[in-house]
Amino acid sequence: MQKYLLRDESLNIMKTPHELAEERLDIAYEYAKLGERLAELKTLKALWWQSFRGDYKSDASAERAWDLTIEGQEMETVRLKMKAKEIKSSAIKTMLQVMSDEARNNY
């Protein structure tokens, strides 16, 4: 089986299409777990909003106050991690498609 060069974590690592597919599955699992946590955090935000919205003059100031909480910061971190996983999964998908096209001599 031919191996291909894939840049991963600033290192050049040779991976087979099967290894790339497995990595994509791992990313999908991690993405799903992050999605579950994001749902929990959105529920917490709704409860927080209901309790504390009256303490602020505007929705924007209440939103900024939420962002300063530990849960608000975690929510943003989860969103950024999910976006990074989407991009990485897309890059792996592209690489797998290129490998498939090369195997069929479709350029």
Protein backbone atom coordinates (compact mmCIF):
# COMPACT_ATOMS: atom_id res chain seq x y z
CA MET A 1 0.00 0.00 0.00
CA GLN A 2 1.35 3.40 -0.97
CA LYS A 3 1.78 5.99 1.76
CA TYR A 4 1.24 9.70 1.27
CA LEU A 5 2.71 12.70 2.97
CA LEU A 6 0.32 14.54 5.24
CA ARG A 7 1.27 17.50 7.41
CA ASP A 8 0.06 16.82 10.94
CA GLU A 9 0.87 18.88 14.04
CA SER A 10 3.76 20.60 12.20
CA LEU A 11 5.36 17.24 11.45
CA ASN A 12 5.47 15.37 8.18
CA ILE A 13 3.90 11.99 8.82
CA MET A 14 3.34 9.33 6.20
CA LYS A 15 -0.18 7.90 6.37
CA THR A 16 -2.07 5.36 4.32
CA PRO A 17 -5.62 6.05 3.10
CA HIS A 18 -6.87 3.62 5.75
CA GLU A 19 -5.05 5.53 8.49
CA LEU A 20 -6.49 8.79 7.20
CA ALA A 21 -10.00 7.30 7.21
CA GLU A 22 -9.50 6.13 10.79
CA GLU A 23 -8.30 9.58 11.78
CA ARG A 24 -11.39 11.09 10.17
CA LEU A 25 -13.56 8.73 12.24
CA ASP A 26 -11.74 9.81 15.40
CA ILE A 27 -12.30 13.45 14.51
CA ALA A 28 -16.01 12.78 13.93
CA TYR A 29 -16.29 11.14 17.35
CA GLU A 30 -14.49 14.04 19.06
CA TYR A 31 -16.70 16.51 17.16
CA ALA A 32 -19.82 14.71 18.38
CA LYS A 33 -18.61 14.79 21.99
CA LEU A 34 -17.91 18.52 21.68
CA GLY A 35 -21.39 18.99 20.23
CA GLU A 36 -22.89 17.27 23.25
CA ARG A 37 -20.96 19.57 25.58
CA LEU A 38 -22.03 22.61 23.56
CA ALA A 39 -25.67 21.58 24.00
CA GLU A 40 -25.14 21.36 27.78
CA LEU A 41 -23.51 24.78 27.82
CA LYS A 42 -26.38 26.30 25.81
CA THR A 43 -28.81 24.96 28.40
CA LEU A 44 -26.71 26.53 31.16
CA LYS A 45 -26.62 29.79 29.23
CA ALA A 46 -30.41 29.84 28.95
CA LEU A 47 -30.75 29.30 32.70
CA TRP A 48 -28.12 31.95 33.42
CA TRP A 49 -29.80 34.37 31.02
CA GLN A 50 -33.17 33.86 32.70
CA SER A 51 -31.65 34.51 36.13
CA PHE A 52 -29.37 37.45 35.38
CA ARG A 53 -30.73 39.31 32.33
CA GLY A 54 -32.58 41.77 34.55
CA ASP A 55 -29.29 42.89 36.12
CA TYR A 56 -28.05 44.39 32.83
CA LYS A 57 -29.23 47.37 30.79
CA SER A 58 -28.93 45.64 27.42
CA ASP A 59 -28.72 42.21 25.84
CA ALA A 60 -25.20 43.04 24.66
CA SER A 61 -23.96 43.77 28.17
CA ALA A 62 -25.63 40.60 29.48
CA GLU A 63 -23.97 38.63 26.66
CA ARG A 64 -20.57 40.08 27.58
CA ALA A 65 -21.17 39.14 31.21
CA TRP A 66 -21.98 35.56 30.12
CA ASP A 67 -18.78 35.49 28.06
CA LEU A 68 -16.79 36.30 31.21
CA THR A 69 -18.14 33.30 33.12
CA ILE A 70 -16.22 30.02 33.15
CA GLU A 71 -19.03 28.36 31.21
CA GLY A 72 -19.12 31.20 28.68
CA GLN A 73 -15.40 30.86 28.08
CA GLU A 74 -15.72 27.09 27.77
CA MET A 75 -18.54 27.56 25.27
CA GLU A 76 -16.31 29.68 23.04
CA THR A 77 -13.46 27.19 23.36
CA VAL A 78 -15.77 24.33 22.37
CA ARG A 79 -16.97 26.28 19.33
CA LEU A 80 -13.41 26.98 18.21
CA LYS A 81 -12.39 23.34 18.68
CA MET A 82 -15.39 22.21 16.65
CA LYS A 83 -14.47 24.60 13.84
CA ALA A 84 -10.88 23.32 13.83
CA LYS A 85 -12.12 19.73 13.63
CA GLU A 86 -14.41 20.63 10.72
CA ILE A 87 -11.47 22.09 8.82
CA LYS A 88 -9.17 19.16 9.59
CA SER A 89 -11.83 16.65 8.57
CA SER A 90 -12.37 18.54 5.33
CA ALA A 91 -8.64 18.53 4.60
CA ILE A 92 -8.46 14.77 5.18
CA LYS A 93 -11.49 14.26 2.93
CA THR A 94 -9.76 16.24 0.19
CA MET A 95 -6.57 14.22 0.60
CA LEU A 96 -8.51 10.95 0.42
CA GLN A 97 -10.24 12.14 -2.76
CA VAL A 98 -6.89 13.05 -4.33
CA MET A 99 -5.51 9.63 -3.39
CA SER A 100 -8.53 7.94 -4.93
CA ASP A 101 -8.18 9.97 -8.13
CA GLU A 102 -4.46 9.18 -8.32
CA ALA A 103 -5.16 5.47 -7.89
CA ARG A 104 -7.53 5.65 -10.87
CA ASN A 105 -5.24 7.95 -12.88
CA ASN A 106 -7.91 10.63 -12.88
CA TYR A 107 -6.14 13.96 -12.72
